[in-house]
Structures are given as structure tokens and as C-alpha cells.
Amino acid sequence: MKYSVILSMALLIFLPFLLSIRNLNSIDSANILEKGVSLIGIIFLTPVFYPEANDNILETVMSKKVSVALIYIIRILASITSQK
């Protein structure tokens, strides 16, 4: 989780330099930053869905009565509340 936060902060800091918002008005530059913020979701949610990359774990999760969505919600809440 610590690396995800560092990577997200670096993305937000360097995004204006990478996409050059120099000649844009405030609305267009805000649109570029909005798209960058949506990329942060990919950075944070990849570790949540990573265990299902293993077919054995995916079969185990799918065989349970508990909804897969509930498992993902629990993982997201656990990653938000963890203090590692």
C-alpha cells in the first residue's frame, strides 16, 4: 500500500509536466488532471484483484456461497484501514 501511495503522488506531481498544460485554459488543464486521477484507481485497485490471477485461488473464491463482490469490498476496506 505504501508504494501505491508514493506512485500515485508521483503521478499527480509529474502529470502536468508530462502532458504540458502550459497553453491550456483552466478547464482543459482540469480535464487532464481528472484523467490522471482516474489512473490512480488502477494503481490502488490492482493489488485488490491480484490474487485471482492464480487460477486455483479463483476457483476457490468462486466455489463459496459468499458473493465475489463482497470479497472485493472486504479487501478494499481492509486495504484502506491497514496501517502498514
PDB file of N, CA and C in Angstrom:
ATOM      1  N   MET A   1       0.828  -1.194   0.000  1.00  0.00           N
ATOM      2  CA  MET A   1       0.000   0.000   0.000  1.00  0.00           C
ATOM      3  C   MET A   1       0.871   1.256   0.000  1.00  0.00           C
ATOM      4  N   LYS A   2       2.008   1.187   0.684  1.00  0.00           N
ATOM      5  CA  LYS A   2       2.884   2.349   0.757  1.00  0.00           C
ATOM      6  C   LYS A   2       3.406   2.726  -0.631  1.00  0.00           C
ATOM      7  N   TYR A   3       3.746   1.734  -1.428  1.00  0.00           N
ATOM      8  CA  TYR A   3       4.257   2.012  -2.758  1.00  0.00           C
ATOM      9  C   TYR A   3       3.181   2.574  -3.671  1.00  0.00           C
ATOM     10  N   SER A   4       1.947   2.147  -3.462  1.00  0.00           N
ATOM     11  CA  SER A   4       0.849   2.677  -4.262  1.00  0.00           C
ATOM     12  C   SER A   4       0.637   4.162  -3.994  1.00  0.00           C
ATOM     13  N   VAL A   5       0.755   4.551  -2.745  1.00  0.00           N
ATOM     14  CA  VAL A   5       0.590   5.962  -2.393  1.00  0.00           C
ATOM     15  C   VAL A   5       1.727   6.792  -2.988  1.00  0.00           C
ATOM     16  N   ILE A   6       2.942   6.304  -2.905  1.00  0.00           N
ATOM     17  CA  ILE A   6       4.093   7.029  -3.456  1.00  0.00           C
ATOM     18  C   ILE A   6       3.971   7.151  -4.972  1.00  0.00           C
ATOM     19  N   LEU A   7       3.578   6.067  -5.636  1.00  0.00           N
ATOM     20  CA  LEU A   7       3.416   6.090  -7.083  1.00  0.00           C
ATOM     21  C   LEU A   7       2.291   7.036  -7.497  1.00  0.00           C
ATOM     22  N   SER A   8       1.211   7.053  -6.738  1.00  0.00           N
ATOM     23  CA  SER A   8       0.094   7.950  -7.044  1.00  0.00           C
ATOM     24  C   SER A   8       0.486   9.412  -6.879  1.00  0.00           C
ATOM     25  N   MET A   9       1.209   9.711  -5.817  1.00  0.00           N
ATOM     26  CA  MET A   9       1.662  11.094  -5.615  1.00  0.00           C
ATOM     27  C   MET A   9       2.611  11.521  -6.725  1.00  0.00           C
ATOM     28  N   ALA A  10       3.495  10.637  -7.126  1.00  0.00           N
ATOM     29  CA  ALA A  10       4.421  10.957  -8.210  1.00  0.00           C
ATOM     30  C   ALA A  10       3.665  11.194  -9.517  1.00  0.00           C
ATOM     31  N   LEU A  11       2.642  10.404  -9.761  1.00  0.00           N
ATOM     32  CA  LEU A  11       1.837  10.587 -10.967  1.00  0.00           C
ATOM     33  C   LEU A  11       1.172  11.958 -10.976  1.00  0.00           C
ATOM     34  N   LEU A  12       0.587  12.344  -9.856  1.00  0.00           N
ATOM     35  CA  LEU A  12      -0.083  13.649  -9.791  1.00  0.00           C
ATOM     36  C   LEU A  12       0.893  14.814  -9.897  1.00  0.00           C
ATOM     37  N   ILE A  13       2.085  14.643  -9.367  1.00  0.00           N
ATOM     38  CA  ILE A  13       3.071  15.729  -9.425  1.00  0.00           C
ATOM     39  C   ILE A  13       3.623  15.897 -10.835  1.00  0.00           C
ATOM     40  N   PHE A  14       3.918  14.778 -11.508  1.00  0.00           N
ATOM     41  CA  PHE A  14       4.580  14.858 -12.807  1.00  0.00           C
ATOM     42  C   PHE A  14       3.633  14.895 -13.995  1.00  0.00           C
ATOM     43  N   LEU A  15       2.355  14.664 -13.784  1.00  0.00           N
ATOM     44  CA  LEU A  15       1.406  14.662 -14.885  1.00  0.00           C
ATOM     45  C   LEU A  15       1.352  15.987 -15.636  1.00  0.00           C
ATOM     46  N   PRO A  16       1.319  17.132 -14.964  1.00  0.00           N
ATOM     47  CA  PRO A  16       1.317  18.391 -15.723  1.00  0.00           C
ATOM     48  C   PRO A  16       2.583  18.599 -16.562  1.00  0.00           C
ATOM     49  N   PHE A  17       3.705  18.073 -16.096  1.00  0.00           N
ATOM     50  CA  PHE A  17       4.939  18.218 -16.861  1.00  0.00           C
ATOM     51  C   PHE A  17       4.959  17.278 -18.067  1.00  0.00           C
ATOM     52  N   LEU A  18       4.394  16.092 -17.887  1.00  0.00           N
ATOM     53  CA  LEU A  18       4.387  15.119 -18.977  1.00  0.00           C
ATOM     54  C   LEU A  18       3.423  15.500 -20.095  1.00  0.00           C
ATOM     55  N   LEU A  19       2.284  16.075 -19.749  1.00  0.00           N
ATOM     56  CA  LEU A  19       1.274  16.394 -20.748  1.00  0.00           C
ATOM     57  C   LEU A  19       1.270  17.867 -21.154  1.00  0.00           C
ATOM     58  N   SER A  20       2.128  18.654 -20.589  1.00  0.00           N
ATOM     59  CA  SER A  20       2.318  20.054 -20.954  1.00  0.00           C
ATOM     60  C   SER A  20       1.001  20.832 -20.977  1.00  0.00           C
ATOM     61  N   ILE A  21       0.628  21.342 -19.839  1.00  0.00           N
ATOM     62  CA  ILE A  21      -0.609  22.112 -19.738  1.00  0.00           C
ATOM     63  C   ILE A  21      -0.354  23.613 -19.857  1.00  0.00           C
ATOM     64  N   ARG A  22       0.759  23.986 -20.413  1.00  0.00           N
ATOM     65  CA  ARG A  22       1.170  25.379 -20.486  1.00  0.00           C
ATOM     66  C   ARG A  22       0.187  26.241 -21.284  1.00  0.00           C
ATOM     67  N   ASN A  23      -0.230  25.819 -22.458  1.00  0.00           N
ATOM     68  CA  ASN A  23      -1.075  26.631 -23.325  1.00  0.00           C
ATOM     69  C   ASN A  23      -2.558  26.305 -23.204  1.00  0.00           C
ATOM     70  N   LEU A  24      -2.967  25.663 -22.133  1.00  0.00           N
ATOM     71  CA  LEU A  24      -4.358  25.288 -21.963  1.00  0.00           C
ATOM     72  C   LEU A  24      -5.052  26.248 -20.997  1.00  0.00           C
ATOM     73  N   ASN A  25      -6.366  26.389 -21.180  1.00  0.00           N
ATOM     74  CA  ASN A  25      -7.109  27.176 -20.206  1.00  0.00           C
ATOM     75  C   ASN A  25      -7.374  26.314 -18.975  1.00  0.00           C
ATOM     76  N   SER A  26      -8.016  26.882 -17.987  1.00  0.00           N
ATOM     77  CA  SER A  26      -8.188  26.163 -16.724  1.00  0.00           C
ATOM     78  C   SER A  26      -9.090  24.942 -16.871  1.00  0.00           C
ATOM     79  N   ILE A  27     -10.076  24.990 -17.729  1.00  0.00           N
ATOM     80  CA  ILE A  27     -10.986  23.858 -17.906  1.00  0.00           C
ATOM     81  C   ILE A  27     -10.266  22.687 -18.577  1.00  0.00           C
ATOM     82  N   ASP A  28      -9.494  22.970 -19.624  1.00  0.00           N
ATOM     83  CA  ASP A  28      -8.771  21.892 -20.313  1.00  0.00           C
ATOM     84  C   ASP A  28      -7.690  21.277 -19.432  1.00  0.00           C
ATOM     85  N   SER A  29      -6.998  22.087 -18.653  1.00  0.00           N
ATOM     86  CA  SER A  29      -5.976  21.531 -17.767  1.00  0.00           C
ATOM     87  C   SER A  29      -6.618  20.721 -16.641  1.00  0.00           C
ATOM     88  N   ALA A  30      -7.807  21.121 -16.184  1.00  0.00           N
ATOM     89  CA  ALA A  30      -8.511  20.324 -15.177  1.00  0.00           C
ATOM     90  C   ALA A  30      -8.936  18.982 -15.750  1.00  0.00           C
ATOM     91  N   ASN A  31      -9.319  18.952 -17.023  1.00  0.00           N
ATOM     92  CA  ASN A  31      -9.690  17.675 -17.652  1.00  0.00           C
ATOM     93  C   ASN A  31      -8.513  16.716 -17.702  1.00  0.00           C
ATOM     94  N   ILE A  32      -7.333  17.230 -17.974  1.00  0.00           N
ATOM     95  CA  ILE A  32      -6.143  16.377 -17.999  1.00  0.00           C
ATOM     96  C   ILE A  32      -5.867  15.819 -16.614  1.00  0.00           C
ATOM     97  N   LEU A  33      -5.982  16.652 -15.591  1.00  0.00           N
ATOM     98  CA  LEU A  33      -5.730  16.183 -14.235  1.00  0.00           C
ATOM     99  C   LEU A  33      -6.816  15.201 -13.770  1.00  0.00           C
ATOM    100  N   GLU A  34      -8.053  15.377 -14.220  1.00  0.00           N
ATOM    101  CA  GLU A  34      -9.107  14.422 -13.885  1.00  0.00           C
ATOM    102  C   GLU A  34      -8.790  13.047 -14.442  1.00  0.00           C
ATOM    103  N   LYS A  35      -8.280  13.001 -15.650  1.00  0.00           N
ATOM    104  CA  LYS A  35      -7.918  11.715 -16.251  1.00  0.00           C
ATOM    105  C   LYS A  35      -6.755  11.084 -15.495  1.00  0.00           C
ATOM    106  N   GLY A  36      -5.856  11.901 -14.999  1.00  0.00           N
ATOM    107  CA  GLY A  36      -4.747  11.375 -14.208  1.00  0.00           C
ATOM    108  C   GLY A  36      -5.209  10.813 -12.886  1.00  0.00           C
ATOM    109  N   VAL A  37      -6.190  11.466 -12.277  1.00  0.00           N
ATOM    110  CA  VAL A  37      -6.716  10.975 -11.007  1.00  0.00           C
ATOM    111  C   VAL A  37      -7.438   9.641 -11.198  1.00  0.00           C
ATOM    112  N   SER A  38      -8.095   9.463 -12.330  1.00  0.00           N
ATOM    113  CA  SER A  38      -8.751   8.176 -12.571  1.00  0.00           C
ATOM    114  C   SER A  38      -7.733   7.048 -12.737  1.00  0.00           C
ATOM    115  N   LEU A  39      -6.539   7.362 -13.194  1.00  0.00           N
ATOM    116  CA  LEU A  39      -5.485   6.337 -13.291  1.00  0.00           C
ATOM    117  C   LEU A  39      -5.028   5.863 -11.914  1.00  0.00           C
ATOM    118  N   ILE A  40      -5.192   6.710 -10.917  1.00  0.00           N
ATOM    119  CA  ILE A  40      -4.805   6.319  -9.564  1.00  0.00           C
ATOM    120  C   ILE A  40      -5.655   5.146  -9.083  1.00  0.00           C
ATOM    121  N   GLY A  41      -6.899   5.077  -9.546  1.00  0.00           N
ATOM    122  CA  GLY A  41      -7.740   3.944  -9.192  1.00  0.00           C
ATOM    123  C   GLY A  41      -7.143   2.630  -9.650  1.00  0.00           C
ATOM    124  N   ILE A  42      -6.517   2.643 -10.805  1.00  0.00           N
ATOM    125  CA  ILE A  42      -5.862   1.433 -11.302  1.00  0.00           C
ATOM    126  C   ILE A  42      -4.705   1.050 -10.387  1.00  0.00           C
ATOM    127  N   ILE A  43      -3.966   2.039  -9.955  1.00  0.00           N
ATOM    128  CA  ILE A  43      -2.814   1.774  -9.083  1.00  0.00           C
ATOM    129  C   ILE A  43      -3.267   1.187  -7.754  1.00  0.00           C
ATOM    130  N   PHE A  44      -4.359   1.722  -7.192  1.00  0.00           N
ATOM    131  CA  PHE A  44      -4.819   1.247  -5.887  1.00  0.00           C
ATOM    132  C   PHE A  44      -5.606  -0.060  -5.950  1.00  0.00           C
ATOM    133  N   LEU A  45      -6.328  -0.312  -7.035  1.00  0.00           N
ATOM    134  CA  LEU A  45      -7.187  -1.493  -7.088  1.00  0.00           C
ATOM    135  C   LEU A  45      -6.505  -2.737  -7.645  1.00  0.00           C
ATOM    136  N   THR A  46      -5.378  -2.595  -8.289  1.00  0.00           N
ATOM    137  CA  THR A  46      -4.680  -3.766  -8.816  1.00  0.00           C
ATOM    138  C   THR A  46      -4.311  -4.771  -7.725  1.00  0.00           C
ATOM    139  N   PRO A  47      -3.781  -4.349  -6.572  1.00  0.00           N
ATOM    140  CA  PRO A  47      -3.482  -5.342  -5.524  1.00  0.00           C
ATOM    141  C   PRO A  47      -4.726  -6.029  -4.965  1.00  0.00           C
ATOM    142  N   VAL A  48      -5.885  -5.382  -5.059  1.00  0.00           N
ATOM    143  CA  VAL A  48      -7.115  -5.985  -4.548  1.00  0.00           C
ATOM    144  C   VAL A  48      -7.526  -7.179  -5.405  1.00  0.00           C
ATOM    145  N   PHE A  49      -7.397  -7.056  -6.712  1.00  0.00           N
ATOM    146  CA  PHE A  49      -7.830  -8.113  -7.619  1.00  0.00           C
ATOM    147  C   PHE A  49      -6.699  -9.053  -8.024  1.00  0.00           C
ATOM    148  N   TYR A  50      -5.497  -8.812  -7.558  1.00  0.00           N
ATOM    149  CA  TYR A  50      -4.342  -9.611  -7.956  1.00  0.00           C
ATOM    150  C   TYR A  50      -4.424 -11.079  -7.548  1.00  0.00           C
ATOM    151  N   PRO A  51      -4.965 -11.444  -6.374  1.00  0.00           N
ATOM    152  CA  PRO A  51      -4.978 -12.870  -6.015  1.00  0.00           C
ATOM    153  C   PRO A  51      -5.735 -13.757  -7.008  1.00  0.00           C
ATOM    154  N   GLU A  52      -6.733 -13.213  -7.703  1.00  0.00           N
ATOM    155  CA  GLU A  52      -7.482 -14.017  -8.650  1.00  0.00           C
ATOM    156  C   GLU A  52      -6.696 -14.307  -9.929  1.00  0.00           C
ATOM    157  N   ALA A  53      -5.508 -13.764 -10.066  1.00  0.00           N
ATOM    158  CA  ALA A  53      -4.662 -14.095 -11.210  1.00  0.00           C
ATOM    159  C   ALA A  53      -4.242 -15.564 -11.156  1.00  0.00           C
ATOM    160  N   ASN A  54      -4.202 -16.121  -9.963  1.00  0.00           N
ATOM    161  CA  ASN A  54      -3.914 -17.538  -9.782  1.00  0.00           C
ATOM    162  C   ASN A  54      -5.227 -18.302  -9.962  1.00  0.00           C
ATOM    163  N   ASP A  55      -5.266 -19.252 -10.896  1.00  0.00           N
ATOM    164  CA  ASP A  55      -6.494 -19.989 -11.192  1.00  0.00           C
ATOM    165  C   ASP A  55      -7.012 -20.776 -10.000  1.00  0.00           C
ATOM    166  N   ASN A  56      -6.119 -21.301  -9.178  1.00  0.00           N
ATOM    167  CA  ASN A  56      -6.549 -22.077  -8.015  1.00  0.00           C
ATOM    168  C   ASN A  56      -7.296 -21.200  -7.014  1.00  0.00           C
ATOM    169  N   ILE A  57      -6.809 -19.999  -6.792  1.00  0.00           N
ATOM    170  CA  ILE A  57      -7.483 -19.087  -5.872  1.00  0.00           C
ATOM    171  C   ILE A  57      -8.824 -18.653  -6.456  1.00  0.00           C
ATOM    172  N   LEU A  58      -8.859 -18.403  -7.743  1.00  0.00           N
ATOM    173  CA  LEU A  58     -10.115 -18.019  -8.387  1.00  0.00           C
ATOM    174  C   LEU A  58     -11.162 -19.119  -8.253  1.00  0.00           C
ATOM    175  N   GLU A  59     -10.778 -20.377  -8.453  1.00  0.00           N
ATOM    176  CA  GLU A  59     -11.711 -21.488  -8.294  1.00  0.00           C
ATOM    177  C   GLU A  59     -12.220 -21.585  -6.858  1.00  0.00           C
ATOM    178  N   THR A  60     -11.335 -21.375  -5.903  1.00  0.00           N
ATOM    179  CA  THR A  60     -11.738 -21.433  -4.501  1.00  0.00           C
ATOM    180  C   THR A  60     -12.721 -20.326  -4.160  1.00  0.00           C
ATOM    181  N   VAL A  61     -12.445 -19.122  -4.618  1.00  0.00           N
ATOM    182  CA  VAL A  61     -13.326 -17.990  -4.340  1.00  0.00           C
ATOM    183  C   VAL A  61     -14.686 -18.194  -4.997  1.00  0.00           C
ATOM    184  N   MET A  62     -14.694 -18.672  -6.217  1.00  0.00           N
ATOM    185  CA  MET A  62     -15.954 -18.854  -6.940  1.00  0.00           C
ATOM    186  C   MET A  62     -16.790 -20.006  -6.371  1.00  0.00           C
ATOM    187  N   SER A  63     -16.181 -20.950  -5.662  1.00  0.00           N
ATOM    188  CA  SER A  63     -16.922 -22.092  -5.137  1.00  0.00           C
ATOM    189  C   SER A  63     -17.650 -21.784  -3.830  1.00  0.00           C
ATOM    190  N   LYS A  64     -17.402 -20.642  -3.235  1.00  0.00           N
ATOM    191  CA  LYS A  64     -18.019 -20.294  -1.957  1.00  0.00           C
ATOM    192  C   LYS A  64     -19.398 -19.669  -2.160  1.00  0.00           C
ATOM    193  N   LYS A  65     -20.212 -19.714  -1.112  1.00  0.00           N
ATOM    194  CA  LYS A  65     -21.546 -19.126  -1.166  1.00  0.00           C
ATOM    195  C   LYS A  65     -21.498 -17.601  -1.103  1.00  0.00           C
ATOM    196  N   VAL A  66     -20.440 -17.081  -0.546  1.00  0.00           N
ATOM    197  CA  VAL A  66     -20.300 -15.631  -0.405  1.00  0.00           C
ATOM    198  C   VAL A  66     -20.058 -15.015  -1.780  1.00  0.00           C
ATOM    199  N   SER A  67     -20.706 -13.890  -2.024  1.00  0.00           N
ATOM    200  CA  SER A  67     -20.561 -13.206  -3.308  1.00  0.00           C
ATOM    201  C   SER A  67     -19.123 -12.724  -3.513  1.00  0.00           C
ATOM    202  N   VAL A  68     -18.669 -12.803  -4.736  1.00  0.00           N
ATOM    203  CA  VAL A  68     -17.317 -12.326  -5.062  1.00  0.00           C
ATOM    204  C   VAL A  68     -17.226 -10.812  -4.828  1.00  0.00           C
ATOM    205  N   ALA A  69     -18.308 -10.102  -5.103  1.00  0.00           N
ATOM    206  CA  ALA A  69     -18.319  -8.659  -4.873  1.00  0.00           C
ATOM    207  C   ALA A  69     -18.104  -8.344  -3.399  1.00  0.00           C
ATOM    208  N   LEU A  70     -18.690  -9.134  -2.518  1.00  0.00           N
ATOM    209  CA  LEU A  70     -18.493  -8.923  -1.080  1.00  0.00           C
ATOM    210  C   LEU A  70     -17.038  -9.149  -0.694  1.00  0.00           C
ATOM    211  N   ILE A  71     -16.413 -10.134  -1.282  1.00  0.00           N
ATOM    212  CA  ILE A  71     -14.999 -10.385  -1.008  1.00  0.00           C
ATOM    213  C   ILE A  71     -14.142  -9.204  -1.453  1.00  0.00           C
ATOM    214  N   TYR A  72     -14.454  -8.651  -2.636  1.00  0.00           N
ATOM    215  CA  TYR A  72     -13.709  -7.487  -3.115  1.00  0.00           C
ATOM    216  C   TYR A  72     -13.927  -6.282  -2.220  1.00  0.00           C
ATOM    217  N   ILE A  73     -15.144  -6.083  -1.750  1.00  0.00           N
ATOM    218  CA  ILE A  73     -15.429  -4.955  -0.854  1.00  0.00           C
ATOM    219  C   ILE A  73     -14.654  -5.102   0.447  1.00  0.00           C
ATOM    220  N   ILE A  74     -14.607  -6.320   0.977  1.00  0.00           N
ATOM    221  CA  ILE A  74     -13.843  -6.558   2.207  1.00  0.00           C
ATOM    222  C   ILE A  74     -12.363  -6.287   1.978  1.00  0.00           C
ATOM    223  N   ARG A  75     -11.837  -6.714   0.845  1.00  0.00           N
ATOM    224  CA  ARG A  75     -10.418  -6.451   0.540  1.00  0.00           C
ATOM    225  C   ARG A  75     -10.142  -4.962   0.411  1.00  0.00           C
ATOM    226  N   ILE A  76     -11.045  -4.238  -0.240  1.00  0.00           N
ATOM    227  CA  ILE A  76     -10.855  -2.789  -0.390  1.00  0.00           C
ATOM    228  C   ILE A  76     -10.881  -2.114   0.972  1.00  0.00           C
ATOM    229  N   LEU A  77     -11.844  -2.475   1.825  1.00  0.00           N
ATOM    230  CA  LEU A  77     -11.914  -1.886   3.165  1.00  0.00           C
ATOM    231  C   LEU A  77     -10.682  -2.243   3.996  1.00  0.00           C
ATOM    232  N   ALA A  78     -10.203  -3.474   3.846  1.00  0.00           N
ATOM    233  CA  ALA A  78      -9.004  -3.882   4.583  1.00  0.00           C
ATOM    234  C   ALA A  78      -7.779  -3.115   4.109  1.00  0.00           C
ATOM    235  N   SER A  79      -7.682  -2.857   2.815  1.00  0.00           N
ATOM    236  CA  SER A  79      -6.517  -2.113   2.327  1.00  0.00           C
ATOM    237  C   SER A  79      -6.592  -0.635   2.719  1.00  0.00           C
ATOM    238  N   ILE A  80      -7.809  -0.107   2.843  1.00  0.00           N
ATOM    239  CA  ILE A  80      -7.951   1.287   3.276  1.00  0.00           C
ATOM    240  C   ILE A  80      -7.596   1.432   4.754  1.00  0.00           C
ATOM    241  N   THR A  81      -8.024   0.484   5.561  1.00  0.00           N
ATOM    242  CA  THR A  81      -7.836   0.608   7.011  1.00  0.00           C
ATOM    243  C   THR A  81      -6.496   0.076   7.511  1.00  0.00           C
ATOM    244  N   SER A  82      -5.760  -0.632   6.682  1.00  0.00           N
ATOM    245  CA  SER A  82      -4.474  -1.171   7.150  1.00  0.00           C
ATOM    246  C   SER A  82      -3.474  -0.031   7.329  1.00  0.00           C
ATOM    247  N   GLN A  83      -2.669  -0.143   8.328  1.00  0.00           N
ATOM    248  CA  GLN A  83      -1.696   0.887   8.683  1.00  0.00           C
ATOM    249  C   GLN A  83      -0.263   0.418   8.472  1.00  0.00           C
ATOM    250  N   LYS A  84      -0.011  -0.345   7.444  1.00  0.00           N
ATOM    251  CA  LYS A  84       1.336  -0.874   7.203  1.00  0.00           C
ATOM    252  C   LYS A  84       2.235   0.176   6.639  1.00  0.00           C
TER     253      LYS A  84
END
